[in-house]
Structures are given as C-alpha cells and as structure tokens.
Amino acid sequence: MASSHGWLGVAAGILFYVCRGFTSVILQDALNWRLPSSFRATGNSIKSLMFRLSFGVVGPVMGFAIERTSLNMALAMIGMSFTLLLVVLMLPLCRRVEELKLDYIPEGA
C-alpha cells in the first residue's frame, strides 16, 4: 500500500481487512477449541488485551515515523516489520501446530 497509488492502494486496503477478518475467525476458533471452558473467557480476554496493547505501541511509533520521514516510508517500514515478524514468529508457530496435530489423539479414540 505504501508504494501504490489510487485504486491499487484501495484494493490493497480492502484485501488487508478481508484477510484480517478471515484470520481472526480462524484464530478465535483455534483458541476456543484448545482452551477448557472454565478458562475460555479469560483466554479470550487476554487475547483481546494483547491485541489492543499492540495498537497502543504501534500507533505512537507510526506517528513518530511519519513525522520523521513520510507516510509512504512509515508504511513501508511497518510492512517490512510485519513481514519479518511473520517469518520469525508465525511460520515456526504454524509448523509447531502441524506437528501437534499429527501427535493429537482425540479422547475416546
């Protein structure tokens, strides 16, 4: 989005929110299946708190970056940061989840 203009940027923004919506549903479902019912509300609450805290950290950092550089540069920097986080955190986590799925034996089976 940082380097695109016009309708391409709008399309990228819409695609971002569509992907975010699907991901939120998938992650929420995965969390709810893995938590016992007695801790489900607490787990969902902590997840929501962490999500909001990340906005509290990223927002001022983005504002500072925009003031120091430009909007395009700040968006490019945050895009690269999130891509790095995807590679460093999410891909190993996804691999680990797949390993756990292979080891999982449902109750009563």
PDB file of N, CA and C in Angstrom:
ATOM      1  N   MET A   1       0.813  -1.182   0.000  1.00  0.00           N
ATOM      2  CA  MET A   1       0.000   0.000   0.000  1.00  0.00           C
ATOM      3  C   MET A   1       0.859   1.249   0.000  1.00  0.00           C
ATOM      4  N   ALA A   2       2.028   1.161   0.605  1.00  0.00           N
ATOM      5  CA  ALA A   2       2.865   2.346   0.736  1.00  0.00           C
ATOM      6  C   ALA A   2       3.348   2.851  -0.606  1.00  0.00           C
ATOM      7  N   SER A   3       3.571   1.965  -1.545  1.00  0.00           N
ATOM      8  CA  SER A   3       4.121   2.388  -2.829  1.00  0.00           C
ATOM      9  C   SER A   3       3.070   2.446  -3.932  1.00  0.00           C
ATOM     10  N   SER A   4       1.829   2.118  -3.620  1.00  0.00           N
ATOM     11  CA  SER A   4       0.796   2.120  -4.653  1.00  0.00           C
ATOM     12  C   SER A   4      -0.023   3.402  -4.591  1.00  0.00           C
ATOM     13  N   HIS A   5      -0.661   3.708  -5.699  1.00  0.00           N
ATOM     14  CA  HIS A   5      -1.453   4.923  -5.796  1.00  0.00           C
ATOM     15  C   HIS A   5      -2.853   4.591  -6.290  1.00  0.00           C
ATOM     16  N   GLY A   6      -3.798   5.415  -5.944  1.00  0.00           N
ATOM     17  CA  GLY A   6      -5.149   5.292  -6.475  1.00  0.00           C
ATOM     18  C   GLY A   6      -5.851   4.026  -6.063  1.00  0.00           C
ATOM     19  N   TRP A   7      -6.518   3.419  -7.044  1.00  0.00           N
ATOM     20  CA  TRP A   7      -7.357   2.255  -6.781  1.00  0.00           C
ATOM     21  C   TRP A   7      -6.571   1.029  -6.332  1.00  0.00           C
ATOM     22  N   LEU A   8      -5.316   0.941  -6.728  1.00  0.00           N
ATOM     23  CA  LEU A   8      -4.495  -0.189  -6.281  1.00  0.00           C
ATOM     24  C   LEU A   8      -4.307  -0.148  -4.768  1.00  0.00           C
ATOM     25  N   GLY A   9      -4.093   1.025  -4.224  1.00  0.00           N
ATOM     26  CA  GLY A   9      -3.970   1.182  -2.773  1.00  0.00           C
ATOM     27  C   GLY A   9      -5.270   0.868  -2.055  1.00  0.00           C
ATOM     28  N   VAL A  10      -6.388   1.288  -2.643  1.00  0.00           N
ATOM     29  CA  VAL A  10      -7.700   0.992  -2.061  1.00  0.00           C
ATOM     30  C   VAL A  10      -7.937  -0.516  -2.072  1.00  0.00           C
ATOM     31  N   ALA A  11      -7.621  -1.171  -3.181  1.00  0.00           N
ATOM     32  CA  ALA A  11      -7.792  -2.623  -3.280  1.00  0.00           C
ATOM     33  C   ALA A  11      -6.912  -3.348  -2.259  1.00  0.00           C
ATOM     34  N   ALA A  12      -5.678  -2.875  -2.083  1.00  0.00           N
ATOM     35  CA  ALA A  12      -4.780  -3.486  -1.091  1.00  0.00           C
ATOM     36  C   ALA A  12      -5.340  -3.309   0.316  1.00  0.00           C
ATOM     37  N   GLY A  13      -5.900  -2.134   0.605  1.00  0.00           N
ATOM     38  CA  GLY A  13      -6.502  -1.900   1.919  1.00  0.00           C
ATOM     39  C   GLY A  13      -7.694  -2.800   2.175  1.00  0.00           C
ATOM     40  N   ILE A  14      -8.551  -2.960   1.177  1.00  0.00           N
ATOM     41  CA  ILE A  14      -9.713  -3.840   1.315  1.00  0.00           C
ATOM     42  C   ILE A  14      -9.259  -5.284   1.494  1.00  0.00           C
ATOM     43  N   LEU A  15      -8.279  -5.718   0.711  1.00  0.00           N
ATOM     44  CA  LEU A  15      -7.755  -7.073   0.828  1.00  0.00           C
ATOM     45  C   LEU A  15      -7.170  -7.325   2.219  1.00  0.00           C
ATOM     46  N   PHE A  16      -6.509  -6.324   2.765  1.00  0.00           N
ATOM     47  CA  PHE A  16      -5.946  -6.441   4.108  1.00  0.00           C
ATOM     48  C   PHE A  16      -7.046  -6.757   5.125  1.00  0.00           C
ATOM     49  N   TYR A  17      -8.145  -6.006   5.085  1.00  0.00           N
ATOM     50  CA  TYR A  17      -9.213  -6.210   6.065  1.00  0.00           C
ATOM     51  C   TYR A  17      -9.974  -7.507   5.828  1.00  0.00           C
ATOM     52  N   VAL A  18     -10.102  -7.930   4.593  1.00  0.00           N
ATOM     53  CA  VAL A  18     -10.736  -9.222   4.312  1.00  0.00           C
ATOM     54  C   VAL A  18      -9.878 -10.350   4.900  1.00  0.00           C
ATOM     55  N   CYS A  19      -8.574 -10.295   4.651  1.00  0.00           N
ATOM     56  CA  CYS A  19      -7.658 -11.310   5.200  1.00  0.00           C
ATOM     57  C   CYS A  19      -7.657 -11.279   6.723  1.00  0.00           C
ATOM     58  N   ARG A  20      -7.676 -10.091   7.275  1.00  0.00           N
ATOM     59  CA  ARG A  20      -7.693  -9.950   8.739  1.00  0.00           C
ATOM     60  C   ARG A  20      -8.967 -10.559   9.312  1.00  0.00           C
ATOM     61  N   GLY A  21     -10.086 -10.355   8.646  1.00  0.00           N
ATOM     62  CA  GLY A  21     -11.347 -10.928   9.108  1.00  0.00           C
ATOM     63  C   GLY A  21     -11.329 -12.446   9.104  1.00  0.00           C
ATOM     64  N   PHE A  22     -10.851 -13.034   8.013  1.00  0.00           N
ATOM     65  CA  PHE A  22     -10.752 -14.492   7.950  1.00  0.00           C
ATOM     66  C   PHE A  22      -9.795 -15.021   9.014  1.00  0.00           C
ATOM     67  N   THR A  23      -8.652 -14.375   9.152  1.00  0.00           N
ATOM     68  CA  THR A  23      -7.658 -14.816  10.123  1.00  0.00           C
ATOM     69  C   THR A  23      -8.199 -14.728  11.539  1.00  0.00           C
ATOM     70  N   SER A  24      -8.925 -13.664  11.842  1.00  0.00           N
ATOM     71  CA  SER A  24      -9.489 -13.510  13.184  1.00  0.00           C
ATOM     72  C   SER A  24     -10.438 -14.651  13.519  1.00  0.00           C
ATOM     73  N   VAL A  25     -11.272 -15.028  12.570  1.00  0.00           N
ATOM     74  CA  VAL A  25     -12.215 -16.116  12.797  1.00  0.00           C
ATOM     75  C   VAL A  25     -11.471 -17.431  13.004  1.00  0.00           C
ATOM     76  N   ILE A  26     -10.472 -17.689  12.185  1.00  0.00           N
ATOM     77  CA  ILE A  26      -9.715 -18.934  12.292  1.00  0.00           C
ATOM     78  C   ILE A  26      -8.966 -19.001  13.621  1.00  0.00           C
ATOM     79  N   LEU A  27      -8.297 -17.902  13.993  1.00  0.00           N
ATOM     80  CA  LEU A  27      -7.549 -17.893  15.258  1.00  0.00           C
ATOM     81  C   LEU A  27      -8.476 -17.983  16.462  1.00  0.00           C
ATOM     82  N   GLN A  28      -9.619 -17.314  16.407  1.00  0.00           N
ATOM     83  CA  GLN A  28     -10.586 -17.381  17.509  1.00  0.00           C
ATOM     84  C   GLN A  28     -11.104 -18.799  17.677  1.00  0.00           C
ATOM     85  N   ASP A  29     -11.410 -19.455  16.571  1.00  0.00           N
ATOM     86  CA  ASP A  29     -11.888 -20.835  16.633  1.00  0.00           C
ATOM     87  C   ASP A  29     -10.814 -21.757  17.204  1.00  0.00           C
ATOM     88  N   ALA A  30      -9.566 -21.573  16.742  1.00  0.00           N
ATOM     89  CA  ALA A  30      -8.466 -22.409  17.238  1.00  0.00           C
ATOM     90  C   ALA A  30      -8.253 -22.201  18.733  1.00  0.00           C
ATOM     91  N   LEU A  31      -8.328 -20.956  19.176  1.00  0.00           N
ATOM     92  CA  LEU A  31      -8.158 -20.671  20.604  1.00  0.00           C
ATOM     93  C   LEU A  31      -9.279 -21.306  21.418  1.00  0.00           C
ATOM     94  N   ASN A  32     -10.504 -21.164  20.962  1.00  0.00           N
ATOM     95  CA  ASN A  32     -11.637 -21.695  21.715  1.00  0.00           C
ATOM     96  C   ASN A  32     -11.636 -23.216  21.791  1.00  0.00           C
ATOM     97  N   TRP A  33     -11.154 -23.888  20.746  1.00  0.00           N
ATOM     98  CA  TRP A  33     -11.087 -25.347  20.785  1.00  0.00           C
ATOM     99  C   TRP A  33     -10.007 -25.845  21.735  1.00  0.00           C
ATOM    100  N   ARG A  34      -8.962 -25.052  21.923  1.00  0.00           N
ATOM    101  CA  ARG A  34      -7.832 -25.506  22.736  1.00  0.00           C
ATOM    102  C   ARG A  34      -7.967 -25.153  24.216  1.00  0.00           C
ATOM    103  N   LEU A  35      -8.845 -24.219  24.537  1.00  0.00           N
ATOM    104  CA  LEU A  35      -8.998 -23.804  25.932  1.00  0.00           C
ATOM    105  C   LEU A  35     -10.146 -24.554  26.587  1.00  0.00           C
ATOM    106  N   PRO A  36      -9.938 -24.994  27.824  1.00  0.00           N
ATOM    107  CA  PRO A  36     -11.072 -25.579  28.542  1.00  0.00           C
ATOM    108  C   PRO A  36     -12.130 -24.497  28.797  1.00  0.00           C
ATOM    109  N   SER A  37     -13.374 -24.896  28.890  1.00  0.00           N
ATOM    110  CA  SER A  37     -14.458 -23.917  29.021  1.00  0.00           C
ATOM    111  C   SER A  37     -14.303 -23.041  30.258  1.00  0.00           C
ATOM    112  N   SER A  38     -13.677 -23.553  31.305  1.00  0.00           N
ATOM    113  CA  SER A  38     -13.518 -22.761  32.521  1.00  0.00           C
ATOM    114  C   SER A  38     -12.525 -21.600  32.343  1.00  0.00           C
ATOM    115  N   PHE A  39     -11.650 -21.678  31.354  1.00  0.00           N
ATOM    116  CA  PHE A  39     -10.663 -20.616  31.118  1.00  0.00           C
ATOM    117  C   PHE A  39     -10.903 -19.872  29.805  1.00  0.00           C
ATOM    118  N   ARG A  40     -11.931 -20.231  29.066  1.00  0.00           N
ATOM    119  CA  ARG A  40     -12.150 -19.661  27.741  1.00  0.00           C
ATOM    120  C   ARG A  40     -12.349 -18.149  27.777  1.00  0.00           C
ATOM    121  N   ALA A  41     -13.160 -17.658  28.700  1.00  0.00           N
ATOM    122  CA  ALA A  41     -13.405 -16.212  28.778  1.00  0.00           C
ATOM    123  C   ALA A  41     -12.113 -15.464  29.131  1.00  0.00           C
ATOM    124  N   THR A  42     -11.322 -16.022  30.038  1.00  0.00           N
ATOM    125  CA  THR A  42     -10.062 -15.393  30.414  1.00  0.00           C
ATOM    126  C   THR A  42      -9.092 -15.390  29.242  1.00  0.00           C
ATOM    127  N   GLY A  43      -8.995 -16.501  28.534  1.00  0.00           N
ATOM    128  CA  GLY A  43      -8.103 -16.573  27.374  1.00  0.00           C
ATOM    129  C   GLY A  43      -8.488 -15.582  26.290  1.00  0.00           C
ATOM    130  N   ASN A  44      -9.792 -15.483  26.010  1.00  0.00           N
ATOM    131  CA  ASN A  44     -10.255 -14.523  25.007  1.00  0.00           C
ATOM    132  C   ASN A  44     -10.014 -13.088  25.456  1.00  0.00           C
ATOM    133  N   SER A  45     -10.177 -12.850  26.728  1.00  0.00           N
ATOM    134  CA  SER A  45      -9.943 -11.512  27.270  1.00  0.00           C
ATOM    135  C   SER A  45      -8.463 -11.125  27.171  1.00  0.00           C
ATOM    136  N   ILE A  46      -7.580 -12.042  27.486  1.00  0.00           N
ATOM    137  CA  ILE A  46      -6.140 -11.779  27.394  1.00  0.00           C
ATOM    138  C   ILE A  46      -5.730 -11.564  25.942  1.00  0.00           C
ATOM    139  N   LYS A  47      -6.287 -12.357  25.028  1.00  0.00           N
ATOM    140  CA  LYS A  47      -6.000 -12.178  23.606  1.00  0.00           C
ATOM    141  C   LYS A  47      -6.423 -10.789  23.142  1.00  0.00           C
ATOM    142  N   SER A  48      -7.590 -10.374  23.558  1.00  0.00           N
ATOM    143  CA  SER A  48      -8.086  -9.052  23.183  1.00  0.00           C
ATOM    144  C   SER A  48      -7.217  -7.945  23.785  1.00  0.00           C
ATOM    145  N   LEU A  49      -6.799  -8.124  25.032  1.00  0.00           N
ATOM    146  CA  LEU A  49      -5.929  -7.145  25.683  1.00  0.00           C
ATOM    147  C   LEU A  49      -4.603  -7.015  24.939  1.00  0.00           C
ATOM    148  N   MET A  50      -3.999  -8.135  24.552  1.00  0.00           N
ATOM    149  CA  MET A  50      -2.728  -8.095  23.830  1.00  0.00           C
ATOM    150  C   MET A  50      -2.877  -7.406  22.471  1.00  0.00           C
ATOM    151  N   PHE A  51      -4.009  -7.653  21.812  1.00  0.00           N
ATOM    152  CA  PHE A  51      -4.278  -7.015  20.524  1.00  0.00           C
ATOM    153  C   PHE A  51      -4.373  -5.504  20.700  1.00  0.00           C
ATOM    154  N   ARG A  52      -5.087  -5.052  21.717  1.00  0.00           N
ATOM    155  CA  ARG A  52      -5.234  -3.615  21.970  1.00  0.00           C
ATOM    156  C   ARG A  52      -3.915  -2.994  22.419  1.00  0.00           C
ATOM    157  N   LEU A  53      -3.150  -3.703  23.219  1.00  0.00           N
ATOM    158  CA  LEU A  53      -1.839  -3.189  23.627  1.00  0.00           C
ATOM    159  C   LEU A  53      -0.911  -3.013  22.435  1.00  0.00           C
ATOM    160  N   SER A  54      -1.010  -3.932  21.476  1.00  0.00           N
ATOM    161  CA  SER A  54      -0.173  -3.788  20.282  1.00  0.00           C
ATOM    162  C   SER A  54      -0.548  -2.521  19.514  1.00  0.00           C
ATOM    163  N   PHE A  55      -1.832  -2.177  19.474  1.00  0.00           N
ATOM    164  CA  PHE A  55      -2.238  -0.916  18.855  1.00  0.00           C
ATOM    165  C   PHE A  55      -1.683   0.262  19.646  1.00  0.00           C
ATOM    166  N   GLY A  56      -1.670   0.148  20.967  1.00  0.00           N
ATOM    167  CA  GLY A  56      -1.135   1.213  21.810  1.00  0.00           C
ATOM    168  C   GLY A  56       0.348   1.440  21.603  1.00  0.00           C
ATOM    169  N   VAL A  57       1.067   0.414  21.211  1.00  0.00           N
ATOM    170  CA  VAL A  57       2.502   0.547  20.944  1.00  0.00           C
ATOM    171  C   VAL A  57       2.748   0.987  19.506  1.00  0.00           C
ATOM    172  N   VAL A  58       2.075   0.347  18.557  1.00  0.00           N
ATOM    173  CA  VAL A  58       2.323   0.614  17.145  1.00  0.00           C
ATOM    174  C   VAL A  58       1.847   2.016  16.741  1.00  0.00           C
ATOM    175  N   GLY A  59       0.743   2.488  17.295  1.00  0.00           N
ATOM    176  CA  GLY A  59       0.202   3.798  16.932  1.00  0.00           C
ATOM    177  C   GLY A  59       1.188   4.941  17.144  1.00  0.00           C
ATOM    178  N   PRO A  60       1.714   5.105  18.362  1.00  0.00           N
ATOM    179  CA  PRO A  60       2.693   6.180  18.570  1.00  0.00           C
ATOM    180  C   PRO A  60       3.982   5.995  17.764  1.00  0.00           C
ATOM    181  N   VAL A  61       4.418   4.752  17.590  1.00  0.00           N
ATOM    182  CA  VAL A  61       5.616   4.507  16.785  1.00  0.00           C
ATOM    183  C   VAL A  61       5.366   4.937  15.342  1.00  0.00           C
ATOM    184  N   MET A  62       4.192   4.631  14.815  1.00  0.00           N
ATOM    185  CA  MET A  62       3.855   5.062  13.450  1.00  0.00           C
ATOM    186  C   MET A  62       3.785   6.580  13.353  1.00  0.00           C
ATOM    187  N   GLY A  63       3.182   7.221  14.354  1.00  0.00           N
ATOM    188  CA  GLY A  63       3.118   8.681  14.350  1.00  0.00           C
ATOM    189  C   GLY A  63       4.498   9.299  14.344  1.00  0.00           C
ATOM    190  N   PHE A  64       5.398   8.756  15.155  1.00  0.00           N
ATOM    191  CA  PHE A  64       6.776   9.241  15.201  1.00  0.00           C
ATOM    192  C   PHE A  64       7.474   9.037  13.860  1.00  0.00           C
ATOM    193  N   ALA A  65       7.277   7.851  13.268  1.00  0.00           N
ATOM    194  CA  ALA A  65       7.905   7.550  11.978  1.00  0.00           C
ATOM    195  C   ALA A  65       7.376   8.462  10.875  1.00  0.00           C
ATOM    196  N   ILE A  66       6.092   8.758  10.902  1.00  0.00           N
ATOM    197  CA  ILE A  66       5.508   9.643   9.891  1.00  0.00           C
ATOM    198  C   ILE A  66       6.073  11.051  10.030  1.00  0.00           C
ATOM    199  N   GLU A  67       6.204  11.522  11.273  1.00  0.00           N
ATOM    200  CA  GLU A  67       6.775  12.862  11.490  1.00  0.00           C
ATOM    201  C   GLU A  67       8.225  12.944  11.043  1.00  0.00           C
ATOM    202  N   ARG A  68       8.994  11.896  11.293  1.00  0.00           N
ATOM    203  CA  ARG A  68      10.427  11.908  10.966  1.00  0.00           C
ATOM    204  C   ARG A  68      10.703  11.668   9.483  1.00  0.00           C
ATOM    205  N   THR A  69       9.875  10.833   8.831  1.00  0.00           N
ATOM    206  CA  THR A  69      10.126  10.510   7.424  1.00  0.00           C
ATOM    207  C   THR A  69       8.949  10.997   6.588  1.00  0.00           C
ATOM    208  N   SER A  70       8.131  10.091   6.124  1.00  0.00           N
ATOM    209  CA  SER A  70       6.916  10.409   5.375  1.00  0.00           C
ATOM    210  C   SER A  70       5.927   9.271   5.584  1.00  0.00           C
ATOM    211  N   LEU A  71       4.702   9.496   5.167  1.00  0.00           N
ATOM    212  CA  LEU A  71       3.688   8.453   5.312  1.00  0.00           C
ATOM    213  C   LEU A  71       4.078   7.206   4.525  1.00  0.00           C
ATOM    214  N   ASN A  72       4.523   7.381   3.292  1.00  0.00           N
ATOM    215  CA  ASN A  72       4.910   6.228   2.473  1.00  0.00           C
ATOM    216  C   ASN A  72       6.048   5.449   3.110  1.00  0.00           C
ATOM    217  N   MET A  73       7.051   6.155   3.608  1.00  0.00           N
ATOM    218  CA  MET A  73       8.195   5.475   4.237  1.00  0.00           C
ATOM    219  C   MET A  73       7.758   4.758   5.517  1.00  0.00           C
ATOM    220  N   ALA A  74       6.913   5.392   6.319  1.00  0.00           N
ATOM    221  CA  ALA A  74       6.445   4.769   7.560  1.00  0.00           C
ATOM    222  C   ALA A  74       5.639   3.513   7.258  1.00  0.00           C
ATOM    223  N   LEU A  75       4.772   3.569   6.242  1.00  0.00           N
ATOM    224  CA  LEU A  75       4.000   2.382   5.869  1.00  0.00           C
ATOM    225  C   LEU A  75       4.903   1.274   5.339  1.00  0.00           C
ATOM    226  N   ALA A  76       5.916   1.656   4.576  1.00  0.00           N
ATOM    227  CA  ALA A  76       6.860   0.655   4.073  1.00  0.00           C
ATOM    228  C   ALA A  76       7.624   0.015   5.232  1.00  0.00           C
ATOM    229  N   MET A  77       8.024   0.816   6.217  1.00  0.00           N
ATOM    230  CA  MET A  77       8.762   0.274   7.367  1.00  0.00           C
ATOM    231  C   MET A  77       7.896  -0.678   8.181  1.00  0.00           C
ATOM    232  N   ILE A  78       6.647  -0.313   8.409  1.00  0.00           N
ATOM    233  CA  ILE A  78       5.790  -1.207   9.190  1.00  0.00           C
ATOM    234  C   ILE A  78       5.462  -2.467   8.392  1.00  0.00           C
ATOM    235  N   GLY A  79       5.333  -2.338   7.064  1.00  0.00           N
ATOM    236  CA  GLY A  79       5.110  -3.516   6.229  1.00  0.00           C
ATOM    237  C   GLY A  79       6.282  -4.485   6.307  1.00  0.00           C
ATOM    238  N   MET A  80       7.491  -3.948   6.250  1.00  0.00           N
ATOM    239  CA  MET A  80       8.684  -4.803   6.362  1.00  0.00           C
ATOM    240  C   MET A  80       8.775  -5.423   7.753  1.00  0.00           C
ATOM    241  N   SER A  81       8.411  -4.645   8.780  1.00  0.00           N
ATOM    242  CA  SER A  81       8.458  -5.169  10.150  1.00  0.00           C
ATOM    243  C   SER A  81       7.488  -6.324  10.329  1.00  0.00           C
ATOM    244  N   PHE A  82       6.262  -6.168   9.825  1.00  0.00           N
ATOM    245  CA  PHE A  82       5.285  -7.239   9.960  1.00  0.00           C
ATOM    246  C   PHE A  82       5.659  -8.460   9.124  1.00  0.00           C
ATOM    247  N   THR A  83       6.281  -8.234   7.986  1.00  0.00           N
ATOM    248  CA  THR A  83       6.748  -9.362   7.176  1.00  0.00           C
ATOM    249  C   THR A  83       7.837 -10.127   7.922  1.00  0.00           C
ATOM    250  N   LEU A  84       8.745  -9.401   8.554  1.00  0.00           N
ATOM    251  CA  LEU A  84       9.791 -10.037   9.356  1.00  0.00           C
ATOM    252  C   LEU A  84       9.187 -10.817  10.519  1.00  0.00           C
ATOM    253  N   LEU A  85       8.200 -10.231  11.194  1.00  0.00           N
ATOM    254  CA  LEU A  85       7.535 -10.928  12.292  1.00  0.00           C
ATOM    255  C   LEU A  85       6.826 -12.188  11.803  1.00  0.00           C
ATOM    256  N   LEU A  86       6.241 -12.118  10.620  1.00  0.00           N
ATOM    257  CA  LEU A  86       5.592 -13.294  10.046  1.00  0.00           C
ATOM    258  C   LEU A  86       6.588 -14.426   9.880  1.00  0.00           C
ATOM    259  N   VAL A  87       7.745 -14.102   9.327  1.00  0.00           N
ATOM    260  CA  VAL A  87       8.752 -15.127   9.069  1.00  0.00           C
ATOM    261  C   VAL A  87       9.339 -15.660  10.376  1.00  0.00           C
ATOM    262  N   VAL A  88       9.642 -14.758  11.305  1.00  0.00           N
ATOM    263  CA  VAL A  88      10.329 -15.150  12.538  1.00  0.00           C
ATOM    264  C   VAL A  88       9.395 -15.837  13.530  1.00  0.00           C
ATOM    265  N   LEU A  89       8.136 -15.375  13.623  1.00  0.00           N
ATOM    266  CA  LEU A  89       7.238 -15.904  14.646  1.00  0.00           C
ATOM    267  C   LEU A  89       6.172 -16.859  14.112  1.00  0.00           C
ATOM    268  N   MET A  90       5.467 -16.436  13.090  1.00  0.00           N
ATOM    269  CA  MET A  90       4.293 -17.198  12.666  1.00  0.00           C
ATOM    270  C   MET A  90       4.620 -18.486  11.921  1.00  0.00           C
ATOM    271  N   LEU A  91       5.617 -18.472  11.070  1.00  0.00           N
ATOM    272  CA  LEU A  91       5.919 -19.693  10.328  1.00  0.00           C
ATOM    273  C   LEU A  91       6.381 -20.830  11.240  1.00  0.00           C
ATOM    274  N   PRO A  92       7.283 -20.567  12.212  1.00  0.00           N
ATOM    275  CA  PRO A  92       7.613 -21.653  13.150  1.00  0.00           C
ATOM    276  C   PRO A  92       6.408 -22.084  13.992  1.00  0.00           C
ATOM    277  N   LEU A  93       5.545 -21.130  14.353  1.00  0.00           N
ATOM    278  CA  LEU A  93       4.352 -21.474  15.118  1.00  0.00           C
ATOM    279  C   LEU A  93       3.422 -22.362  14.296  1.00  0.00           C
ATOM    280  N   CYS A  94       3.248 -22.042  13.036  1.00  0.00           N
ATOM    281  CA  CYS A  94       2.404 -22.866  12.167  1.00  0.00           C
ATOM    282  C   CYS A  94       2.973 -24.271  12.014  1.00  0.00           C
ATOM    283  N   ARG A  95       4.301 -24.362  11.885  1.00  0.00           N
ATOM    284  CA  ARG A  95       4.932 -25.690  11.799  1.00  0.00           C
ATOM    285  C   ARG A  95       4.688 -26.484  13.073  1.00  0.00           C
ATOM    286  N   ARG A  96       4.796 -25.822  14.214  1.00  0.00           N
ATOM    287  CA  ARG A  96       4.602 -26.489  15.505  1.00  0.00           C
ATOM    288  C   ARG A  96       3.150 -26.962  15.654  1.00  0.00           C
ATOM    289  N   VAL A  97       2.209 -26.160  15.219  1.00  0.00           N
ATOM    290  CA  VAL A  97       0.804 -26.550  15.285  1.00  0.00           C
ATOM    291  C   VAL A  97       0.563 -27.785  14.425  1.00  0.00           C
ATOM    292  N   GLU A  98       1.159 -27.828  13.248  1.00  0.00           N
ATOM    293  CA  GLU A  98       1.008 -29.007  12.386  1.00  0.00           C
ATOM    294  C   GLU A  98       1.599 -30.242  13.053  1.00  0.00           C
ATOM    295  N   GLU A  99       2.742 -30.088  13.730  1.00  0.00           N
ATOM    296  CA  GLU A  99       3.338 -31.221  14.443  1.00  0.00           C
ATOM    297  C   GLU A  99       2.420 -31.701  15.552  1.00  0.00           C
ATOM    298  N   LEU A 100       1.815 -30.756  16.277  1.00  0.00           N
ATOM    299  CA  LEU A 100       0.912 -31.134  17.359  1.00  0.00           C
ATOM    300  C   LEU A 100      -0.332 -31.826  16.829  1.00  0.00           C
ATOM    301  N   LYS A 101      -0.806 -31.411  15.654  1.00  0.00           N
ATOM    302  CA  LYS A 101      -1.969 -32.064  15.055  1.00  0.00           C
ATOM    303  C   LYS A 101      -1.659 -33.524  14.751  1.00  0.00           C
ATOM    304  N   LEU A 102      -0.445 -33.811  14.309  1.00  0.00           N
ATOM    305  CA  LEU A 102      -0.068 -35.186  13.989  1.00  0.00           C
ATOM    306  C   LEU A 102       0.007 -36.042  15.249  1.00  0.00           C
ATOM    307  N   ASP A 103       0.385 -35.426  16.382  1.00  0.00           N
ATOM    308  CA  ASP A 103       0.524 -36.153  17.642  1.00  0.00           C
ATOM    309  C   ASP A 103      -0.784 -36.259  18.413  1.00  0.00           C
ATOM    310  N   TYR A 104      -1.799 -35.497  18.013  1.00  0.00           N
ATOM    311  CA  TYR A 104      -3.044 -35.407  18.774  1.00  0.00           C
ATOM    312  C   TYR A 104      -3.902 -36.643  18.550  1.00  0.00           C
ATOM    313  N   ILE A 105      -4.328 -37.233  19.641  1.00  0.00           N
ATOM    314  CA  ILE A 105      -5.251 -38.357  19.597  1.00  0.00           C
ATOM    315  C   ILE A 105      -6.504 -37.931  20.352  1.00  0.00           C
ATOM    316  N   PRO A 106      -7.650 -37.825  19.675  1.00  0.00           N
ATOM    317  CA  PRO A 106      -8.872 -37.363  20.325  1.00  0.00           C
ATOM    318  C   PRO A 106      -9.283 -38.292  21.460  1.00  0.00           C
ATOM    319  N   GLU A 107      -9.958 -37.720  22.467  1.00  0.00           N
ATOM    320  CA  GLU A 107     -10.447 -38.525  23.594  1.00  0.00           C
ATOM    321  C   GLU A 107     -11.461 -39.543  23.088  1.00  0.00           C
ATOM    322  N   GLY A 108     -11.388 -40.726  23.618  1.00  0.00           N
ATOM    323  CA  GLY A 108     -12.335 -41.772  23.236  1.00  0.00           C
ATOM    324  C   GLY A 108     -11.931 -42.522  21.975  1.00  0.00           C
ATOM    325  N   ALA A 109     -10.777 -42.173  21.410  1.00  0.00           N
ATOM    326  CA  ALA A 109     -10.368 -42.859  20.179  1.00  0.00           C
ATOM    327  C   ALA A 109      -9.436 -44.002  20.496  1.00  0.00           C
TER     328      ALA A 109
END
